[in-house]
Amino acid sequence: MNNIAVLMVISLALLALAYRFYGRFVARRLGIDPAKTTPAHTINDGVDYVPTKPLVLDPARPGRNEGSADIPVCHIAGFPAC
């Protein structure tokens, strides 16, 4: 049982290091610019490319229910309109 715990700790540490350093490497390699506008803003057509509300982007904000309770089920299922 002790070997499993050690293996889990080592695995989590490796995943954390990979997330930290490999993510930065890929971001530099692909030229990701956080200031660049997204397609939802540049080609907003009202159907496929629609900017989302900040409320949806930050569902863990204090004072709010967990998860995405404000998104209608038809949007989650992939239907275009409710």
Protein backbone atom coordinates (compact mmCIF):
# COMPACT_ATOMS: atom_id res chain seq x y z
CA MET A 1 0.00 0.00 0.00
CA ASN A 2 2.89 2.34 0.71
CA ASN A 3 4.33 1.80 -2.77
CA ILE A 4 1.08 3.01 -4.33
CA ALA A 5 1.17 6.24 -2.31
CA VAL A 6 4.77 6.92 -3.33
CA LEU A 7 3.93 6.22 -6.96
CA MET A 8 0.94 8.59 -6.79
CA VAL A 9 3.01 11.40 -5.26
CA ILE A 10 5.74 11.00 -7.88
CA SER A 11 3.14 10.90 -10.67
CA LEU A 12 1.40 14.04 -9.43
CA ALA A 13 4.72 15.84 -9.08
CA LEU A 14 5.70 14.90 -12.64
CA LEU A 15 2.31 16.03 -13.97
CA ALA A 16 2.63 19.36 -12.15
CA LEU A 17 6.13 19.91 -13.54
CA ALA A 18 5.05 18.95 -17.04
CA TYR A 19 2.06 21.29 -16.85
CA ARG A 20 4.24 24.14 -15.68
CA PHE A 21 7.21 23.82 -18.03
CA TYR A 22 5.84 22.03 -21.08
CA GLY A 23 2.84 24.36 -21.16
CA ARG A 24 5.15 27.37 -21.22
CA PHE A 25 7.27 25.74 -23.93
CA VAL A 26 4.24 25.05 -26.13
CA ALA A 27 2.90 28.58 -25.58
CA ARG A 28 6.20 30.08 -26.73
CA ARG A 29 6.52 27.66 -29.61
CA LEU A 30 3.02 28.37 -30.94
CA GLY A 31 3.27 32.09 -30.27
CA ILE A 32 0.23 32.32 -28.01
CA ASP A 33 -0.63 35.94 -27.24
CA PRO A 34 -3.07 36.46 -24.33
CA ALA A 35 -3.86 39.98 -25.56
CA LYS A 36 -5.06 38.74 -28.95
CA THR A 37 -8.82 38.81 -29.49
CA THR A 38 -10.64 35.54 -29.98
CA PRO A 39 -12.66 34.57 -33.08
CA ALA A 40 -15.83 35.12 -31.05
CA HIS A 41 -15.00 38.83 -31.08
CA THR A 42 -13.38 39.19 -34.50
CA ILE A 43 -15.97 37.27 -36.55
CA ASN A 44 -19.04 37.56 -34.33
CA ASP A 45 -21.86 36.24 -36.52
CA GLY A 46 -24.41 35.71 -33.76
CA VAL A 47 -24.65 31.96 -34.42
CA ASP A 48 -21.39 30.04 -34.27
CA TYR A 49 -19.04 32.76 -33.03
CA VAL A 50 -20.62 34.50 -30.05
CA PRO A 51 -18.70 35.98 -27.11
CA THR A 52 -19.70 34.40 -23.83
CA LYS A 53 -20.59 36.20 -20.64
CA PRO A 54 -17.87 36.45 -17.97
CA LEU A 55 -20.32 34.73 -15.64
CA VAL A 56 -19.93 31.52 -17.67
CA LEU A 57 -16.14 31.78 -17.77
CA ASP A 58 -15.78 32.00 -13.99
CA PRO A 59 -18.23 29.47 -12.52
CA ALA A 60 -16.33 29.11 -9.22
CA ARG A 61 -16.77 32.76 -8.26
CA PRO A 62 -17.77 33.15 -4.58
CA GLY A 63 -21.45 33.66 -3.95
CA ARG A 64 -22.53 31.50 -6.85
CA ASN A 65 -23.59 27.89 -7.16
CA GLU A 66 -21.00 25.40 -8.31
CA GLY A 67 -20.94 24.45 -11.97
CA SER A 68 -22.81 25.89 -14.90
CA ALA A 69 -26.38 26.08 -13.62
CA ASP A 70 -27.14 29.19 -15.69
CA ILE A 71 -26.46 27.49 -19.05
CA PRO A 72 -29.64 25.97 -20.53
CA VAL A 73 -29.49 22.22 -21.12
CA CYS A 74 -30.17 22.65 -24.83
CA HIS A 75 -26.87 24.57 -25.20
CA ILE A 76 -24.98 21.84 -23.42
CA ALA A 77 -26.56 19.21 -25.68
CA GLY A 78 -25.43 21.15 -28.75
CA PHE A 79 -28.75 22.54 -29.96
CA PRO A 80 -28.33 26.01 -31.48
CA ALA A 81 -31.36 27.67 -29.91
CA CYS A 82 -33.59 27.05 -26.91
